Amino acid sequence: MFFIVALGVGGWLIWQPFANLLKQSKKKEEWSGLVGDCKYQHYHQSTGIAVNLSTRQIYLLDGDDFKKYDFSDVREWTYNLLTGGTSISNRTLAEGAHNHRQNKANEAGSGFFVKVKDIDRPEWRVAFPYSPNNNKKTELELKRWMEIFQQNINEK
């Protein structure tokens, strides 16, 4: 009996990462279908942003929430790239656990943020690849999105 239970739990633990990958892949495929005609688009960790220049709309995705907004509904945008708060030595298990929690908090507070005219969802966060050690590429991509919004929403 123990063997059957252990096999079931072990099988579940092995299958779970694959199931999550399949779910992410399907979600990304759905997103691509929704924003295929957009010149600028980004998808990461079940969040997404796209800009459709012909309809003058932005598309935002966060998990199962998806909305389109006219350019005129966009109030402001910014980005955050949080770092720090971690222990340098990382010698003990407690320091390692603290660093892990801090890095997760930094990642959750980082991304591209868009404020819109929407009572139900006034702010959206779009995730970008995050590394506790080197975010130069991510910062360049976030600045690129700042410029995309500046040129297409503010200047037109």
N, C-alpha and C. Protein backbone atom coordinates (compact mmCIF):
# COMPACT_ATOMS: atom_id res chain seq x y z
N MET A 1 0.83 -1.20 0.00
CA MET A 1 0.00 0.00 0.00
C MET A 1 0.87 1.26 0.00
N PHE A 2 1.89 1.26 0.85
CA PHE A 2 2.79 2.41 0.91
C PHE A 2 3.43 2.66 -0.46
N PHE A 3 3.82 1.60 -1.15
CA PHE A 3 4.46 1.72 -2.45
C PHE A 3 3.53 2.40 -3.46
N ILE A 4 2.26 2.04 -3.43
CA ILE A 4 1.29 2.63 -4.37
C ILE A 4 1.10 4.11 -4.07
N VAL A 5 0.98 4.47 -2.80
CA VAL A 5 0.83 5.88 -2.42
C VAL A 5 2.08 6.66 -2.80
N ALA A 6 3.26 6.11 -2.49
CA ALA A 6 4.51 6.79 -2.82
C ALA A 6 4.66 6.96 -4.33
N LEU A 7 4.28 5.95 -5.08
CA LEU A 7 4.35 6.03 -6.53
C LEU A 7 3.39 7.11 -7.06
N GLY A 8 2.21 7.18 -6.47
CA GLY A 8 1.24 8.20 -6.86
C GLY A 8 1.74 9.60 -6.58
N VAL A 9 2.28 9.82 -5.39
CA VAL A 9 2.81 11.13 -5.03
C VAL A 9 4.03 11.46 -5.89
N GLY A 10 4.90 10.48 -6.07
CA GLY A 10 6.09 10.70 -6.90
C GLY A 10 5.71 11.01 -8.34
N GLY A 11 4.74 10.29 -8.86
CA GLY A 11 4.27 10.56 -10.23
C GLY A 11 3.69 11.95 -10.35
N TRP A 12 2.94 12.35 -9.35
CA TRP A 12 2.35 13.70 -9.36
C TRP A 12 3.45 14.74 -9.34
N LEU A 13 4.47 14.55 -8.49
CA LEU A 13 5.58 15.51 -8.40
C LEU A 13 6.36 15.59 -9.71
N ILE A 14 6.48 14.48 -10.39
CA ILE A 14 7.18 14.48 -11.67
C ILE A 14 6.31 15.12 -12.75
N TRP A 15 5.03 14.84 -12.76
CA TRP A 15 4.13 15.34 -13.80
C TRP A 15 3.84 16.83 -13.65
N GLN A 16 3.79 17.34 -12.43
CA GLN A 16 3.36 18.71 -12.19
C GLN A 16 4.14 19.75 -13.00
N PRO A 17 5.49 19.73 -13.03
CA PRO A 17 6.20 20.71 -13.84
C PRO A 17 5.85 20.63 -15.33
N PHE A 18 5.65 19.42 -15.84
CA PHE A 18 5.27 19.27 -17.24
C PHE A 18 3.88 19.84 -17.50
N ALA A 19 2.97 19.61 -16.58
CA ALA A 19 1.61 20.14 -16.73
C ALA A 19 1.64 21.66 -16.72
N ASN A 20 2.45 22.25 -15.85
CA ASN A 20 2.57 23.71 -15.82
C ASN A 20 3.15 24.25 -17.12
N LEU A 21 4.15 23.57 -17.67
CA LEU A 21 4.73 23.99 -18.95
C LEU A 21 3.70 23.93 -20.07
N LEU A 22 2.90 22.87 -20.09
CA LEU A 22 1.85 22.75 -21.11
C LEU A 22 0.82 23.87 -20.98
N LYS A 23 0.45 24.18 -19.74
CA LYS A 23 -0.52 25.25 -19.49
C LYS A 23 0.05 26.59 -19.95
N GLN A 24 1.32 26.86 -19.62
CA GLN A 24 1.97 28.11 -20.04
C GLN A 24 2.05 28.20 -21.56
N SER A 25 2.38 27.10 -22.19
CA SER A 25 2.49 27.07 -23.65
C SER A 25 1.14 27.37 -24.30
N LYS A 26 0.08 26.79 -23.76
CA LYS A 26 -1.26 27.04 -24.30
C LYS A 26 -1.66 28.49 -24.09
N LYS A 27 -1.36 29.04 -22.92
CA LYS A 27 -1.68 30.43 -22.62
C LYS A 27 -0.95 31.37 -23.58
N LYS A 28 0.34 31.08 -23.82
CA LYS A 28 1.12 31.91 -24.73
C LYS A 28 0.58 31.82 -26.15
N GLU A 29 0.14 30.64 -26.55
CA GLU A 29 -0.45 30.45 -27.88
C GLU A 29 -1.74 31.26 -28.02
N GLU A 30 -2.58 31.24 -26.97
CA GLU A 30 -3.82 32.04 -26.97
C GLU A 30 -3.49 33.52 -27.11
N TRP A 31 -2.50 33.97 -26.34
CA TRP A 31 -2.07 35.37 -26.37
C TRP A 31 -1.62 35.75 -27.78
N SER A 32 -0.81 34.90 -28.40
CA SER A 32 -0.32 35.17 -29.75
C SER A 32 -1.47 35.31 -30.73
N GLY A 33 -2.52 34.51 -30.56
CA GLY A 33 -3.69 34.62 -31.42
C GLY A 33 -4.44 35.93 -31.24
N LEU A 34 -4.45 36.45 -30.02
CA LEU A 34 -5.16 37.71 -29.74
C LEU A 34 -4.40 38.93 -30.25
N VAL A 35 -3.07 38.85 -30.24
CA VAL A 35 -2.27 40.05 -30.55
C VAL A 35 -1.43 39.89 -31.82
N GLY A 36 -1.80 38.94 -32.67
CA GLY A 36 -1.02 38.66 -33.86
C GLY A 36 -0.83 39.84 -34.78
N ASP A 37 -1.78 40.78 -34.81
CA ASP A 37 -1.68 41.93 -35.70
C ASP A 37 -1.03 43.15 -35.03
N CYS A 38 -0.51 42.98 -33.84
CA CYS A 38 0.13 44.09 -33.12
C CYS A 38 1.62 44.17 -33.47
N LYS A 39 2.09 45.37 -33.72
CA LYS A 39 3.50 45.57 -34.07
C LYS A 39 4.41 45.27 -32.88
N TYR A 40 4.00 45.71 -31.70
CA TYR A 40 4.81 45.50 -30.49
C TYR A 40 4.06 44.58 -29.54
N GLN A 41 4.72 43.54 -29.06
CA GLN A 41 4.08 42.63 -28.13
C GLN A 41 5.12 41.95 -27.25
N HIS A 42 4.68 41.62 -26.04
CA HIS A 42 5.55 40.96 -25.07
C HIS A 42 4.70 40.05 -24.21
N TYR A 43 5.24 38.85 -23.88
CA TYR A 43 4.57 37.90 -23.02
C TYR A 43 5.60 37.27 -22.10
N HIS A 44 5.31 37.23 -20.80
CA HIS A 44 6.19 36.57 -19.83
C HIS A 44 5.39 36.23 -18.58
N GLN A 45 5.51 35.00 -18.12
CA GLN A 45 4.87 34.52 -16.88
C GLN A 45 3.38 34.87 -16.81
N SER A 46 2.64 34.50 -17.83
CA SER A 46 1.18 34.72 -17.89
C SER A 46 0.78 36.18 -17.86
N THR A 47 1.71 37.08 -18.18
CA THR A 47 1.36 38.49 -18.33
C THR A 47 1.79 38.93 -19.72
N GLY A 48 1.09 39.91 -20.26
CA GLY A 48 1.44 40.36 -21.59
C GLY A 48 1.01 41.78 -21.86
N ILE A 49 1.65 42.36 -22.87
CA ILE A 49 1.31 43.70 -23.32
C ILE A 49 1.52 43.73 -24.83
N ALA A 50 0.64 44.42 -25.51
CA ALA A 50 0.76 44.58 -26.96
C ALA A 50 0.20 45.94 -27.35
N VAL A 51 0.75 46.48 -28.43
CA VAL A 51 0.31 47.78 -28.93
C VAL A 51 -0.13 47.59 -30.38
N ASN A 52 -1.40 47.92 -30.65
CA ASN A 52 -1.94 47.86 -32.00
C ASN A 52 -2.01 49.29 -32.53
N LEU A 53 -1.13 49.62 -33.45
CA LEU A 53 -1.05 50.98 -33.96
C LEU A 53 -2.23 51.34 -34.86
N SER A 54 -2.77 50.37 -35.60
CA SER A 54 -3.87 50.68 -36.52
C SER A 54 -5.17 50.97 -35.77
N THR A 55 -5.44 50.25 -34.68
CA THR A 55 -6.67 50.51 -33.91
C THR A 55 -6.44 51.48 -32.75
N ARG A 56 -5.15 51.83 -32.53
CA ARG A 56 -4.76 52.71 -31.43
C ARG A 56 -5.24 52.16 -30.08
N GLN A 57 -4.91 50.88 -29.85
CA GLN A 57 -5.28 50.21 -28.61
C GLN A 57 -4.08 49.48 -28.03
N ILE A 58 -4.12 49.33 -26.69
CA ILE A 58 -3.14 48.46 -26.04
C ILE A 58 -3.92 47.27 -25.47
N TYR A 59 -3.27 46.13 -25.46
CA TYR A 59 -3.85 44.90 -24.93
C TYR A 59 -3.03 44.52 -23.71
N LEU A 60 -3.71 44.20 -22.63
CA LEU A 60 -3.04 43.81 -21.39
C LEU A 60 -3.57 42.48 -20.89
N LEU A 61 -2.64 41.65 -20.41
CA LEU A 61 -2.98 40.33 -19.91
C LEU A 61 -2.31 40.12 -18.57
N ASP A 62 -3.06 39.58 -17.62
CA ASP A 62 -2.50 39.17 -16.33
C ASP A 62 -3.25 37.93 -15.89
N GLY A 63 -2.63 36.78 -16.09
CA GLY A 63 -3.30 35.52 -15.76
C GLY A 63 -4.50 35.32 -16.66
N ASP A 64 -5.69 35.26 -16.08
CA ASP A 64 -6.91 35.10 -16.86
C ASP A 64 -7.57 36.43 -17.21
N ASP A 65 -7.05 37.54 -16.69
CA ASP A 65 -7.60 38.86 -16.99
C ASP A 65 -6.99 39.39 -18.28
N PHE A 66 -7.85 39.78 -19.22
CA PHE A 66 -7.41 40.36 -20.49
C PHE A 66 -8.33 41.52 -20.82
N LYS A 67 -7.72 42.66 -21.19
CA LYS A 67 -8.52 43.82 -21.57
C LYS A 67 -7.81 44.60 -22.66
N LYS A 68 -8.63 45.30 -23.46
CA LYS A 68 -8.12 46.24 -24.47
C LYS A 68 -8.47 47.64 -24.00
N TYR A 69 -7.56 48.55 -24.23
CA TYR A 69 -7.81 49.95 -23.89
C TYR A 69 -7.41 50.82 -25.06
N ASP A 70 -8.20 51.87 -25.30
CA ASP A 70 -7.81 52.87 -26.29
C ASP A 70 -6.62 53.65 -25.75
N PHE A 71 -5.82 54.18 -26.65
CA PHE A 71 -4.68 54.99 -26.22
C PHE A 71 -5.12 56.11 -25.28
N SER A 72 -6.31 56.68 -25.54
CA SER A 72 -6.80 57.78 -24.71
C SER A 72 -7.12 57.35 -23.27
N ASP A 73 -7.27 56.05 -23.04
CA ASP A 73 -7.55 55.54 -21.70
C ASP A 73 -6.30 55.31 -20.86
N VAL A 74 -5.13 55.45 -21.45
CA VAL A 74 -3.88 55.23 -20.75
C VAL A 74 -3.50 56.52 -20.02
N ARG A 75 -3.36 56.42 -18.70
CA ARG A 75 -3.02 57.59 -17.89
C ARG A 75 -1.51 57.77 -17.76
N GLU A 76 -0.81 56.70 -17.43
CA GLU A 76 0.64 56.78 -17.28
C GLU A 76 1.25 55.39 -17.31
N TRP A 77 2.55 55.35 -17.46
CA TRP A 77 3.28 54.09 -17.48
C TRP A 77 4.65 54.31 -16.88
N THR A 78 5.18 53.27 -16.30
CA THR A 78 6.50 53.34 -15.68
C THR A 78 7.04 51.92 -15.56
N TYR A 79 8.28 51.83 -15.13
CA TYR A 79 8.81 50.51 -14.86
C TYR A 79 9.58 50.52 -13.55
N ASN A 80 9.67 49.36 -12.94
CA ASN A 80 10.44 49.14 -11.71
C ASN A 80 11.36 47.96 -11.94
N LEU A 81 12.54 48.06 -11.42
CA LEU A 81 13.48 46.94 -11.43
C LEU A 81 14.13 46.91 -10.07
N LEU A 82 13.50 46.18 -9.14
CA LEU A 82 13.94 46.17 -7.75
C LEU A 82 15.12 45.22 -7.55
N THR A 83 16.07 45.66 -6.76
CA THR A 83 17.22 44.83 -6.39
C THR A 83 17.53 45.14 -4.93
N GLY A 84 18.44 44.40 -4.37
CA GLY A 84 18.89 44.71 -3.01
C GLY A 84 18.08 44.02 -1.94
N GLY A 85 18.50 44.27 -0.70
CA GLY A 85 17.83 43.70 0.46
C GLY A 85 18.32 42.31 0.82
N THR A 86 19.31 41.84 0.07
CA THR A 86 19.81 40.49 0.33
C THR A 86 21.10 40.54 1.13
N SER A 87 21.41 39.43 1.79
CA SER A 87 22.62 39.31 2.58
C SER A 87 23.78 38.96 1.65
N ILE A 88 24.90 39.60 1.87
CA ILE A 88 26.06 39.36 1.01
C ILE A 88 26.71 38.02 1.30
N SER A 89 26.81 37.66 2.57
CA SER A 89 27.57 36.46 2.92
C SER A 89 26.85 35.17 2.52
N ASN A 90 25.55 35.08 2.76
CA ASN A 90 24.76 33.91 2.39
C ASN A 90 25.38 32.62 2.96
N ARG A 91 25.90 32.69 4.19
CA ARG A 91 26.59 31.54 4.79
C ARG A 91 25.65 30.58 5.51
N THR A 92 24.57 31.07 6.04
CA THR A 92 23.70 30.20 6.82
C THR A 92 22.41 29.90 6.05
N LEU A 93 21.73 28.89 6.50
CA LEU A 93 20.45 28.53 5.89
C LEU A 93 19.45 29.67 6.02
N ALA A 94 19.47 30.35 7.14
CA ALA A 94 18.55 31.48 7.37
C ALA A 94 18.84 32.61 6.38
N GLU A 95 20.13 32.90 6.15
CA GLU A 95 20.47 33.95 5.18
C GLU A 95 20.06 33.54 3.78
N GLY A 96 20.26 32.27 3.45
CA GLY A 96 19.84 31.77 2.13
C GLY A 96 18.33 31.89 1.94
N ALA A 97 17.58 31.54 2.98
CA ALA A 97 16.12 31.64 2.92
C ALA A 97 15.69 33.10 2.80
N HIS A 98 16.34 33.99 3.56
CA HIS A 98 16.04 35.41 3.47
C HIS A 98 16.30 35.93 2.06
N ASN A 99 17.46 35.56 1.50
CA ASN A 99 17.80 36.02 0.15
C ASN A 99 16.79 35.51 -0.87
N HIS A 100 16.36 34.26 -0.73
CA HIS A 100 15.37 33.71 -1.65
C HIS A 100 14.06 34.50 -1.58
N ARG A 101 13.58 34.74 -0.35
CA ARG A 101 12.35 35.51 -0.17
C ARG A 101 12.50 36.93 -0.73
N GLN A 102 13.65 37.55 -0.46
CA GLN A 102 13.87 38.92 -0.93
C GLN A 102 13.92 38.98 -2.46
N ASN A 103 14.59 38.01 -3.07
CA ASN A 103 14.65 37.98 -4.53
C ASN A 103 13.27 37.78 -5.14
N LYS A 104 12.45 36.93 -4.52
CA LYS A 104 11.07 36.73 -5.00
C LYS A 104 10.26 38.02 -4.86
N ALA A 105 10.44 38.73 -3.74
CA ALA A 105 9.73 40.00 -3.54
C ALA A 105 10.21 41.04 -4.56
N ASN A 106 11.51 41.08 -4.82
CA ASN A 106 12.05 42.01 -5.81
C ASN A 106 11.47 41.71 -7.19
N GLU A 107 11.40 40.42 -7.53
CA GLU A 107 10.86 40.05 -8.84
C GLU A 107 9.38 40.43 -8.95
N ALA A 108 8.61 40.20 -7.88
CA ALA A 108 7.18 40.52 -7.89
C ALA A 108 6.93 42.02 -7.98
N GLY A 109 7.85 42.84 -7.50
CA GLY A 109 7.68 44.29 -7.57
C GLY A 109 8.29 44.92 -8.79
N SER A 110 8.90 44.10 -9.63
CA SER A 110 9.53 44.59 -10.85
C SER A 110 8.62 44.36 -12.05
N GLY A 111 8.80 45.16 -13.08
CA GLY A 111 8.03 44.97 -14.31
C GLY A 111 7.65 46.30 -14.92
N PHE A 112 6.77 46.24 -15.91
CA PHE A 112 6.26 47.41 -16.60
C PHE A 112 4.85 47.65 -16.09
N PHE A 113 4.57 48.84 -15.62
CA PHE A 113 3.29 49.15 -15.00
C PHE A 113 2.53 50.17 -15.84
N VAL A 114 1.26 49.89 -16.08
CA VAL A 114 0.41 50.77 -16.89
C VAL A 114 -0.82 51.14 -16.07
N LYS A 115 -1.06 52.44 -15.91
CA LYS A 115 -2.27 52.92 -15.25
C LYS A 115 -3.25 53.36 -16.32
N VAL A 116 -4.51 52.91 -16.15
CA VAL A 116 -5.55 53.17 -17.15
C VAL A 116 -6.82 53.69 -16.49
N LYS A 117 -7.71 54.24 -17.33
CA LYS A 117 -9.02 54.68 -16.87
C LYS A 117 -9.92 53.45 -16.75
N ASP A 118 -9.87 52.80 -15.60
CA ASP A 118 -10.64 51.58 -15.37
C ASP A 118 -10.86 51.46 -13.86
N ILE A 119 -12.09 51.57 -13.44
CA ILE A 119 -12.40 51.50 -12.01
C ILE A 119 -12.08 50.12 -11.45
N ASP A 120 -12.35 49.08 -12.22
CA ASP A 120 -12.14 47.72 -11.74
C ASP A 120 -10.68 47.30 -11.74
N ARG A 121 -9.90 47.83 -12.64
CA ARG A 121 -8.48 47.44 -12.75
C ARG A 121 -7.67 48.67 -13.19
N PRO A 122 -7.38 49.59 -12.26
CA PRO A 122 -6.70 50.83 -12.64
C PRO A 122 -5.21 50.68 -12.95
N GLU A 123 -4.58 49.58 -12.51
CA GLU A 123 -3.15 49.40 -12.78
C GLU A 123 -2.88 47.95 -13.17
N TRP A 124 -2.01 47.80 -14.16
CA TRP A 124 -1.60 46.49 -14.64
C TRP A 124 -0.09 46.36 -14.50
N ARG A 125 0.37 45.17 -14.15
CA ARG A 125 1.80 44.87 -14.09
C ARG A 125 2.10 43.80 -15.14
N VAL A 126 3.11 44.08 -15.95
CA VAL A 126 3.56 43.11 -16.94
C VAL A 126 4.95 42.65 -16.52
N ALA A 127 5.11 41.34 -16.34
CA ALA A 127 6.38 40.77 -15.89
C ALA A 127 7.38 40.72 -17.04
N PHE A 128 8.63 40.84 -16.69
CA PHE A 128 9.75 40.70 -17.62
C PHE A 128 10.76 39.77 -16.98
N PRO A 129 11.62 39.14 -17.77
CA PRO A 129 12.63 38.25 -17.18
C PRO A 129 13.41 38.96 -16.08
N TYR A 130 13.64 38.27 -14.98
CA TYR A 130 14.30 38.86 -13.82
C TYR A 130 15.43 37.95 -13.36
N SER A 131 16.53 38.57 -13.01
CA SER A 131 17.66 37.83 -12.43
C SER A 131 18.15 38.61 -11.23
N PRO A 132 18.41 37.94 -10.12
CA PRO A 132 18.91 38.66 -8.95
C PRO A 132 20.31 39.24 -9.18
N ASN A 133 21.02 38.75 -10.20
CA ASN A 133 22.41 39.16 -10.40
C ASN A 133 22.62 40.15 -11.53
N ASN A 134 21.90 40.01 -12.64
CA ASN A 134 22.15 40.85 -13.80
C ASN A 134 20.86 41.09 -14.56
N ASN A 135 20.41 42.34 -14.56
CA ASN A 135 19.17 42.71 -15.24
C ASN A 135 19.40 43.74 -16.34
N LYS A 136 20.60 43.83 -16.86
CA LYS A 136 20.89 44.84 -17.88
C LYS A 136 20.03 44.67 -19.12
N LYS A 137 19.88 43.43 -19.59
CA LYS A 137 19.07 43.16 -20.77
C LYS A 137 17.60 43.49 -20.50
N THR A 138 17.12 43.12 -19.32
CA THR A 138 15.74 43.42 -18.95
C THR A 138 15.51 44.92 -18.85
N GLU A 139 16.46 45.63 -18.26
CA GLU A 139 16.31 47.09 -18.15
C GLU A 139 16.26 47.74 -19.53
N LEU A 140 17.06 47.27 -20.47
CA LEU A 140 17.00 47.80 -21.83
C LEU A 140 15.64 47.54 -22.45
N GLU A 141 15.08 46.36 -22.23
CA GLU A 141 13.76 46.03 -22.77
C GLU A 141 12.68 46.90 -22.13
N LEU A 142 12.77 47.13 -20.82
CA LEU A 142 11.80 48.01 -20.15
C LEU A 142 11.89 49.44 -20.67
N LYS A 143 13.08 49.92 -20.90
CA LYS A 143 13.26 51.27 -21.47
C LYS A 143 12.72 51.33 -22.89
N ARG A 144 12.87 50.24 -23.62
CA ARG A 144 12.32 50.16 -24.98
C ARG A 144 10.80 50.33 -24.93
N TRP A 145 10.14 49.66 -23.96
CA TRP A 145 8.69 49.80 -23.84
C TRP A 145 8.29 51.21 -23.41
N MET A 146 9.10 51.84 -22.59
CA MET A 146 8.84 53.25 -22.23
C MET A 146 8.83 54.10 -23.50
N GLU A 147 9.78 53.87 -24.37
CA GLU A 147 9.88 54.64 -25.62
C GLU A 147 8.75 54.30 -26.59
N ILE A 148 8.35 53.04 -26.65
CA ILE A 148 7.22 52.66 -27.49
C ILE A 148 5.97 53.43 -27.06
N PHE A 149 5.72 53.49 -25.77
CA PHE A 149 4.55 54.23 -25.27
C PHE A 149 4.72 55.73 -25.51
N GLN A 150 5.89 56.25 -25.27
CA GLN A 150 6.13 57.68 -25.47
C GLN A 150 5.84 58.07 -26.93
N GLN A 151 6.40 57.33 -27.86
CA GLN A 151 6.25 57.69 -29.28
C GLN A 151 4.84 57.46 -29.80
N ASN A 152 4.17 56.44 -29.33
CA ASN A 152 2.88 56.09 -29.93
C ASN A 152 1.68 56.60 -29.17
N ILE A 153 1.82 56.89 -27.90
CA ILE A 153 0.67 57.40 -27.14
C ILE A 153 0.80 58.90 -26.88
N ASN A 154 1.95 59.33 -26.42
CA ASN A 154 2.14 60.75 -26.09
C ASN A 154 2.31 61.62 -27.33
N GLU A 155 3.03 61.15 -28.32
CA GLU A 155 3.42 62.00 -29.44
C GLU A 155 2.51 61.91 -30.65
N LYS A 156 1.47 61.11 -30.60
CA LYS A 156 0.58 61.00 -31.76
C LYS A 156 -0.81 61.45 -31.41
